Protein backbone atom coordinates (compact mmCIF):
# COMPACT_ATOMS: atom_id res chain seq x y z
CA MET A 1 43.29 4.41 -0.26
CA ALA A 2 41.03 4.66 -3.31
CA LYS A 3 38.10 7.05 -3.19
CA LYS A 4 34.74 5.34 -2.70
CA ILE A 5 32.58 5.22 -5.81
CA TYR A 6 29.05 5.89 -4.65
CA LEU A 7 26.30 4.49 -6.89
CA ASP A 8 23.37 4.22 -4.49
CA TYR A 9 21.79 7.67 -4.79
CA ALA A 10 18.31 6.09 -4.75
CA ALA A 11 19.00 4.93 -1.18
CA THR A 12 20.25 8.30 0.03
CA THR A 13 22.22 11.29 -1.18
CA PRO A 14 25.07 13.14 0.54
CA ILE A 15 24.08 16.47 2.05
CA ALA A 16 25.00 19.23 -0.39
CA PRO A 17 27.43 21.85 1.00
CA GLU A 18 24.95 24.67 0.41
CA VAL A 19 22.28 22.74 2.35
CA LEU A 20 24.55 22.04 5.32
CA ARG A 21 25.60 25.68 5.39
CA VAL A 22 22.05 26.97 5.94
CA MET A 23 21.31 24.24 8.50
CA LEU A 24 24.26 24.92 10.81
CA PRO A 25 22.93 28.09 12.52
CA TYR A 26 19.82 26.16 13.61
CA LEU A 27 21.99 23.46 15.18
CA LYS A 28 23.98 26.06 17.13
CA GLU A 29 23.05 29.64 17.95
CA GLU A 30 19.48 29.71 16.51
CA TYR A 31 18.19 26.98 18.83
CA GLY A 32 14.82 28.51 19.76
CA ASN A 33 11.56 26.54 19.93
CA PRO A 34 9.33 27.71 17.03
CA SER A 35 6.31 27.72 19.36
CA SER A 36 7.89 30.29 21.69
CA ILE A 37 6.71 33.90 21.34
CA TYR A 38 10.05 35.59 22.09
CA SER A 39 12.45 36.55 19.29
CA LEU A 40 14.65 33.44 19.41
CA GLY A 41 11.61 31.23 18.92
CA GLN A 42 10.13 33.47 16.25
CA LYS A 43 13.35 33.33 14.23
CA ALA A 44 13.00 29.56 14.16
CA GLN A 45 9.35 29.87 13.10
CA MET A 46 10.30 32.27 10.32
CA ALA A 47 12.89 29.78 9.06
CA ILE A 48 10.22 27.07 8.93
CA ASP A 49 7.85 29.42 7.10
CA LYS A 50 10.55 30.20 4.54
CA ALA A 51 11.20 26.48 3.94
CA ARG A 52 7.46 25.91 3.54
CA GLU A 53 7.37 28.64 0.90
CA GLU A 54 10.24 27.00 -0.99
CA VAL A 55 8.45 23.65 -1.05
CA SER A 56 5.16 25.23 -2.09
CA ARG A 57 6.90 27.14 -4.89
CA PHE A 58 8.42 23.88 -6.16
CA LEU A 59 5.03 22.13 -6.12
CA ASN A 60 3.02 25.18 -7.31
CA CYS A 61 0.68 25.18 -4.34
CA SER A 62 -0.10 27.29 -1.28
CA PRO A 63 2.32 27.19 1.69
CA SER A 64 -0.63 26.27 3.91
CA GLU A 65 -0.94 23.02 1.93
CA ILE A 66 2.52 21.78 3.04
CA ILE A 67 2.97 19.67 6.20
CA PHE A 68 6.47 18.79 7.41
CA THR A 69 6.94 15.25 8.74
CA GLY A 70 9.75 13.15 10.20
CA SER A 71 10.19 11.14 7.00
CA ALA A 72 8.60 10.25 3.69
CA THR A 73 7.37 7.03 5.33
CA GLU A 74 5.46 9.10 7.86
CA ALA A 75 4.10 11.32 5.09
CA ASN A 76 2.84 8.27 3.16
CA ASN A 77 1.26 6.87 6.31
CA LEU A 78 -0.41 10.20 7.05
CA ALA A 79 -1.81 10.37 3.52
CA ILE A 80 -3.20 6.84 3.48
CA PHE A 81 -4.40 6.37 7.06
CA GLY A 82 -5.45 10.01 7.24
CA ILE A 83 -7.80 9.87 4.27
CA VAL A 84 -9.30 6.48 5.12
CA ARG A 85 -9.92 7.25 8.78
CA ALA A 86 -11.41 10.66 8.01
CA LEU A 87 -13.89 9.15 5.57
CA ARG A 88 -14.67 6.20 7.82
CA LYS A 89 -15.91 8.71 10.39
CA LYS A 90 -18.47 9.76 7.78
CA GLY A 91 -19.78 6.20 7.55
CA ILE A 92 -18.07 5.30 4.26
CA LYS A 93 -16.70 1.76 3.83
CA PRO A 94 -13.57 2.66 1.84
CA HIS A 95 -11.82 1.00 -1.08
CA ILE A 96 -8.21 1.87 -2.00
CA ILE A 97 -6.37 1.38 -5.29
CA THR A 98 -2.59 1.11 -5.37
CA SER A 99 0.01 -0.80 -7.41
CA GLN A 100 1.95 -3.99 -6.78
CA ILE A 101 5.29 -2.16 -7.04
CA GLU A 102 4.83 0.57 -4.45
CA HIS A 103 7.40 1.26 -1.75
CA HIS A 104 6.80 -0.59 1.51
CA ALA A 105 5.88 2.78 3.06
CA VAL A 106 2.69 2.57 0.97
CA LEU A 107 2.16 -1.20 0.83
CA GLU A 108 2.42 -1.80 4.59
CA PRO A 109 -0.20 0.84 5.52
CA CYS A 110 -2.47 -0.75 2.91
CA HIS A 111 -1.89 -4.21 4.39
CA GLN A 112 -2.69 -2.86 7.85
CA LEU A 113 -5.90 -1.26 6.59
CA GLU A 114 -6.88 -4.58 5.02
CA ARG A 115 -6.55 -6.14 8.47
CA GLU A 116 -8.92 -3.41 9.68
CA GLY A 117 -11.51 -4.34 7.05
CA VAL A 118 -10.61 -1.90 4.25
CA GLU A 119 -10.70 -3.26 0.71
CA VAL A 120 -7.51 -2.73 -1.31
CA THR A 121 -6.85 -3.41 -5.00
CA TYR A 122 -3.21 -3.92 -6.00
CA LEU A 123 -2.88 -3.11 -9.69
CA PRO A 124 -0.56 -5.19 -11.87
CA VAL A 125 2.10 -3.54 -14.04
CA THR A 126 3.38 -4.22 -17.52
CA LYS A 127 6.58 -6.22 -18.02
CA GLU A 128 8.34 -2.83 -18.04
CA GLY A 129 6.85 -1.90 -14.68
CA ILE A 130 4.24 0.64 -15.74
CA VAL A 131 0.70 1.01 -14.38
CA LYS A 132 -1.93 1.31 -17.11
CA VAL A 133 -4.41 4.16 -16.73
CA SER A 134 -7.06 1.81 -18.14
CA ASP A 135 -6.40 -0.62 -15.27
CA VAL A 136 -6.98 2.18 -12.77
CA LYS A 137 -10.31 2.93 -14.47
CA LYS A 138 -11.38 -0.74 -14.36
CA ALA A 139 -10.53 -1.01 -10.66
CA ILE A 140 -12.66 1.96 -9.55
CA LYS A 141 -15.73 1.13 -7.48
CA LYS A 142 -18.54 3.20 -6.01
CA ASN A 143 -16.76 3.22 -2.65
CA THR A 144 -13.24 3.97 -3.97
CA VAL A 145 -11.85 6.82 -1.86
CA LEU A 146 -8.12 6.82 -2.61
CA VAL A 147 -5.70 6.00 -5.42
CA SER A 148 -2.02 5.89 -4.46
CA VAL A 149 0.52 5.35 -7.25
CA MET A 150 4.18 6.32 -6.97
CA TYR A 151 5.56 8.83 -9.48
CA ALA A 152 8.83 6.94 -10.09
CA ASN A 153 9.87 3.55 -8.76
CA ASN A 154 12.73 3.39 -6.30
CA GLU A 155 14.07 0.04 -7.58
CA ILE A 156 13.68 0.07 -11.36
CA GLY A 157 13.22 3.80 -11.99
CA THR A 158 10.06 3.48 -14.09
CA ILE A 159 8.00 6.66 -14.38
CA GLN A 160 4.26 6.28 -13.96
CA PRO A 161 1.57 8.19 -15.92
CA ILE A 162 0.55 10.29 -12.91
CA ALA A 163 -0.92 13.17 -14.94
CA GLY A 164 -2.92 10.64 -16.97
CA ILE A 165 -4.36 9.06 -13.83
CA GLY A 166 -5.11 12.54 -12.48
CA LYS A 167 -7.08 13.41 -15.63
CA LEU A 168 -9.00 10.13 -15.42
CA LEU A 169 -10.04 10.74 -11.83
CA LYS A 170 -11.10 14.29 -12.62
CA THR A 171 -13.40 13.13 -15.42
CA ILE A 172 -15.18 10.49 -13.35
CA HIS A 173 -15.64 12.44 -10.11
CA SER A 174 -18.96 13.83 -11.29
CA LYS A 175 -20.33 10.30 -11.79
CA LEU A 176 -19.55 9.12 -8.26
CA GLN A 177 -21.11 9.94 -4.91
CA THR A 178 -17.76 10.57 -3.24
CA LYS A 179 -14.54 12.16 -4.48
CA ILE A 180 -11.60 9.85 -5.15
CA TYR A 181 -8.47 11.38 -3.65
CA PHE A 182 -5.19 10.89 -5.47
CA HIS A 183 -1.82 10.44 -3.72
CA THR A 184 1.61 10.00 -5.26
CA ASP A 185 4.91 9.17 -3.61
CA ALA A 186 7.27 11.52 -5.47
CA VAL A 187 10.35 10.79 -3.37
CA GLN A 188 12.47 9.46 -6.27
CA ALA A 189 10.93 11.81 -8.84
CA ALA A 190 11.65 15.17 -7.23
CA ASN A 191 15.22 15.50 -8.49
CA TYR A 192 14.33 14.86 -12.12
CA LEU A 193 10.61 15.28 -12.93
CA ASP A 194 8.05 18.08 -12.96
CA CYS A 195 6.25 17.95 -9.60
CA ASN A 196 3.72 20.71 -10.31
CA VAL A 197 0.69 19.37 -8.45
CA GLN A 198 -1.70 21.33 -10.65
CA LYS A 199 -0.41 19.59 -13.77
CA LEU A 200 -0.28 16.18 -12.08
CA GLY A 201 -3.82 16.46 -10.71
CA VAL A 202 -2.93 15.02 -7.30
CA ASP A 203 -4.46 15.78 -3.91
CA LEU A 204 -1.52 14.51 -1.89
CA LEU A 205 2.20 14.26 -2.72
CA THR A 206 5.11 12.94 -0.64
CA LEU A 207 8.68 14.31 -0.61
CA SER A 208 11.85 13.31 1.25
CA ALA A 209 14.86 15.52 1.97
CA HIS A 210 17.57 12.87 1.99
CA LYS A 211 16.84 11.82 -1.59
CA ILE A 212 17.52 15.36 -2.86
CA TYR A 213 20.84 16.16 -1.12
CA GLY A 214 19.16 17.20 2.11
CA PRO A 215 19.26 15.72 5.64
CA LYS A 216 17.72 12.46 6.81
CA GLY A 217 14.80 12.55 9.21
CA VAL A 218 12.53 15.04 7.44
CA GLY A 219 9.86 14.76 4.78
CA ALA A 220 6.89 16.72 3.53
CA LEU A 221 3.33 16.01 2.49
CA TYR A 222 1.32 18.22 0.16
CA ILE A 223 -2.35 18.12 1.15
CA LYS A 224 -4.69 19.93 -1.20
CA GLU A 225 -6.94 22.39 0.57
CA GLY A 226 -10.26 20.79 1.48
CA THR A 227 -8.90 17.25 1.59
CA PRO A 228 -10.34 15.42 4.63
CA ILE A 229 -7.50 13.94 6.67
CA THR A 230 -7.08 12.73 10.24
CA PRO A 231 -3.70 13.21 11.98
CA LEU A 232 -1.51 10.31 13.07
CA ILE A 233 0.17 12.26 15.88
CA TYR A 234 -1.66 14.34 18.48
CA GLY A 235 -0.20 16.87 20.92
CA GLY A 236 0.57 20.57 20.82
CA GLY A 237 -1.02 21.17 17.42
CA GLN A 238 2.07 22.03 15.37
CA GLU A 239 1.89 21.89 11.56
CA SER A 240 -1.70 23.15 11.53
CA GLY A 241 -2.68 20.34 13.90
CA MET A 242 -1.65 17.71 11.36
CA ARG A 243 1.69 16.74 12.93
CA SER A 244 2.14 17.62 16.60
CA GLY A 245 5.60 17.77 18.14
CA THR A 246 8.35 20.39 18.24
CA GLU A 247 9.62 20.82 14.70
CA ASN A 248 13.11 19.73 13.63
CA VAL A 249 14.01 23.24 12.54
CA ALA A 250 17.48 22.53 11.11
CA ALA A 251 16.22 19.57 9.06
CA ILE A 252 13.22 21.53 7.74
CA VAL A 253 15.51 24.40 6.76
CA GLY A 254 17.70 21.83 4.98
CA LEU A 255 14.72 20.43 3.09
CA GLY A 256 13.73 23.93 1.98
CA GLU A 257 17.22 24.66 0.67
CA ALA A 258 17.52 21.24 -1.00
CA ILE A 259 14.22 21.88 -2.83
CA LYS A 260 15.41 25.34 -3.83
CA GLN A 261 18.65 23.93 -5.26
CA ILE A 262 16.88 21.43 -7.56
CA ALA A 263 16.38 24.17 -10.15
CA ASN A 264 20.14 24.80 -10.20
CA ARG A 265 20.83 21.14 -10.95
CA LYS A 266 18.53 20.73 -13.96
CA SER A 267 21.50 21.15 -16.30
CA GLN A 268 23.08 18.02 -14.79
CA ILE A 269 20.24 15.75 -15.88
CA VAL A 270 21.55 15.35 -19.46
CA ARG A 271 25.03 14.48 -18.17
CA ILE A 272 23.68 11.94 -15.67
CA LYS A 273 21.47 10.35 -18.33
CA GLN A 274 24.44 9.99 -20.69
CA LEU A 275 26.43 8.26 -17.95
CA ARG A 276 23.46 6.03 -17.17
CA ASP A 277 23.13 4.99 -20.81
CA LYS A 278 26.87 4.27 -21.01
CA LEU A 279 26.59 2.09 -17.91
CA ILE A 280 23.55 0.20 -19.22
CA GLU A 281 25.14 -0.37 -22.62
CA GLY A 282 28.42 -1.48 -21.07
CA ILE A 283 26.81 -3.96 -18.66
CA LEU A 284 24.62 -5.52 -21.35
CA LYS A 285 27.55 -5.74 -23.77
CA LYS A 286 30.28 -6.96 -21.43
CA ILE A 287 28.29 -9.38 -19.27
CA PRO A 288 26.44 -12.23 -21.05
CA GLY A 289 23.10 -13.32 -19.61
CA THR A 290 22.11 -9.84 -18.47
CA ARG A 291 18.78 -8.03 -18.84
CA LEU A 292 17.70 -4.50 -18.02
CA ASN A 293 14.74 -4.32 -15.63
CA GLY A 294 12.13 -1.66 -16.22
CA SER A 295 11.45 0.68 -19.11
CA LYS A 296 14.27 2.22 -21.13
CA GLU A 297 12.03 5.05 -22.36
CA TYR A 298 10.01 5.91 -19.23
CA ARG A 299 12.89 5.75 -16.77
CA LEU A 300 14.58 8.08 -14.31
CA PRO A 301 17.81 9.42 -15.85
CA ASN A 302 19.91 8.07 -12.98
CA ASN A 303 18.63 4.50 -12.59
CA VAL A 304 20.18 1.22 -13.76
CA ASN A 305 18.66 -2.07 -12.60
CA ALA A 306 19.88 -5.26 -14.21
CA SER A 307 19.38 -8.96 -13.56
CA ILE A 308 22.57 -10.95 -14.09
CA SER A 309 22.05 -14.69 -14.45
CA GLY A 310 24.02 -17.17 -12.37
CA VAL A 311 24.90 -14.67 -9.63
CA GLU A 312 23.22 -13.48 -6.44
CA GLY A 313 22.75 -9.75 -6.07
CA GLU A 314 24.01 -9.69 -2.49
CA SER A 315 27.26 -11.38 -3.56
CA MET A 316 27.80 -8.72 -6.23
CA VAL A 317 27.14 -5.91 -3.76
CA ILE A 318 29.66 -7.34 -1.27
CA ALA A 319 32.27 -7.90 -4.00
CA LEU A 320 31.76 -4.36 -5.33
CA ASP A 321 32.11 -2.96 -1.82
CA GLN A 322 35.50 -4.68 -1.57
CA GLU A 323 36.44 -2.70 -4.67
CA GLU A 324 35.26 0.52 -2.97
CA ILE A 325 32.06 0.70 -5.05
CA ALA A 326 28.74 1.19 -3.23
CA ALA A 327 25.72 -0.39 -4.95
CA SER A 328 22.55 -2.22 -3.91
CA THR A 329 20.17 -4.95 -4.97
CA GLY A 330 17.04 -2.81 -4.60
CA SER A 331 15.30 -0.81 -1.89
CA ALA A 332 17.57 0.07 1.03
CA CYS A 333 14.51 -0.02 3.28
CA SER A 334 14.12 -3.79 2.78
CA SER A 335 17.75 -4.77 2.23
CA ARG A 336 17.73 -7.02 5.31
CA SER A 337 14.97 -9.16 3.81
CA LEU A 338 15.92 -12.43 2.11
CA GLU A 339 12.74 -12.35 0.03
CA PRO A 340 13.11 -11.54 -3.70
CA SER A 341 12.08 -8.05 -4.75
CA HIS A 342 8.30 -7.69 -4.98
CA VAL A 343 8.88 -5.12 -7.73
CA LEU A 344 10.83 -7.52 -9.95
CA LEU A 345 8.39 -10.37 -9.30
CA ALA A 346 5.57 -8.06 -10.42
CA LEU A 347 7.41 -7.62 -13.74
CA GLY A 348 7.21 -11.38 -14.27
CA LEU A 349 10.79 -12.24 -13.30
CA SER A 350 11.49 -15.54 -11.60
CA SER A 351 12.75 -15.61 -8.02
CA GLU A 352 16.20 -16.54 -9.32
CA GLN A 353 16.24 -13.56 -11.72
CA ALA A 354 15.04 -11.25 -8.95
CA HIS A 355 17.75 -12.49 -6.58
CA GLY A 356 20.32 -11.76 -9.30
CA SER A 357 19.45 -8.08 -9.58
CA LEU A 358 21.84 -5.19 -9.15
CA ARG A 359 20.78 -1.55 -8.77
CA LEU A 360 23.22 1.22 -9.63
CA THR A 361 21.90 4.76 -9.21
CA LEU A 362 23.86 7.83 -10.25
CA GLY A 363 23.86 11.38 -8.97
CA ARG A 364 25.36 14.82 -8.73
CA TYR A 365 28.92 13.66 -8.01
CA THR A 366 29.10 10.68 -10.40
CA THR A 367 31.89 10.94 -12.98
CA GLU A 368 32.61 9.18 -16.26
CA LYS A 369 35.84 7.85 -14.76
CA GLU A 370 33.79 6.14 -12.05
CA ILE A 371 31.49 4.55 -14.64
CA ASP A 372 34.54 3.30 -16.55
CA LYS A 373 35.86 1.77 -13.32
CA VAL A 374 32.58 -0.07 -12.69
CA LEU A 375 32.56 -1.43 -16.25
CA GLU A 376 36.11 -2.63 -15.73
CA VAL A 377 35.48 -4.28 -12.35
CA LEU A 378 31.93 -5.68 -12.57
CA PRO A 379 32.46 -8.18 -15.45
CA LYS A 380 35.42 -9.70 -13.56
CA ILE A 381 33.34 -9.97 -10.38
CA VAL A 382 30.49 -11.69 -12.23
CA GLU A 383 32.88 -14.11 -13.93
CA ARG A 384 34.45 -15.03 -10.60
CA LEU A 385 31.12 -15.41 -8.80
CA ARG A 386 29.64 -17.53 -11.59
CA LYS A 387 32.42 -20.07 -11.14
CA ILE A 388 31.38 -20.69 -7.54
CA SER A 389 27.66 -20.02 -7.89
CA PRO A 390 25.08 -22.77 -7.21
CA PHE A 391 22.87 -21.20 -9.92
CA LYS A 392 24.13 -23.16 -12.93
């Protein structure tokens, strides 16, 4: 049986061997509760502290500014609900700014807050999927309390001007009565981009382990010291009272190691980008009626998202799977939805173009031979599907 070609690294990554190795003791013999005062428990607490230090080193912040969560979705919810509810207690009627192409883990909390009477502005993007800093500036109001813009998009890979937005907010803080807090979802960015929070100028930043060759079920939120935030989960007061519940020690250890290993993989970025460019060029050349979605210049080095006319994305994904190639049409978190991608619609694509999108994301284990195989198989699949497609 042929080896599976995995090209959906934006959905999840396989756990790296070095990450699994450090996790295993905490799934077996080192099973203590970190809140216990005896040695078995304290060993678990020390492992969590070490992971927190690794994350803080990666972000260039204090370990006390890192909160471990059960997922990046939870971290995004904590950032958004936490800020708004904390400031509402002070009598502020808050206004939030975000973008039209955020992950649902940001958009859905914003929609819920709208139902609770919070005003939200959803910024448009350029046809390449980029938020303009000038649009952020125009959207700011006297009661703006939070800006949340993702660092890199999970569907089209576009990189946002986070440092530019950070500088803008810093310059206008003195003119406003209240500080505008700045959050970025850096889940897709962590593997490839500089996440130094000092350089980015953010107050909150979200990470996920399973996007960086770590385990599923654990995320992290950077919260700048002094940022007012109300917890989502109450209980025993773990994670400095910000996230109660016994910690998932093995998963947190895995996140710490996965973060640590990012530095060792920097040399792979050039190779991955070369394979990405070969894949983009091959798809555009071999398949007529194809367009690249998103920016070519400001793009993650592992992301390919193309709309292929006359074919449905789901049909391509199924046909590729039959050829032992794993791909997607967009966000894995909304793959069960029949609605066209909100990200692609925001770029100005028609519903038909959005339905005909294919996302191929590369990673650590992608080879040139695999890319060659995709470029051999995909044109034949498209040709076959076009013959039976209703989109003619």
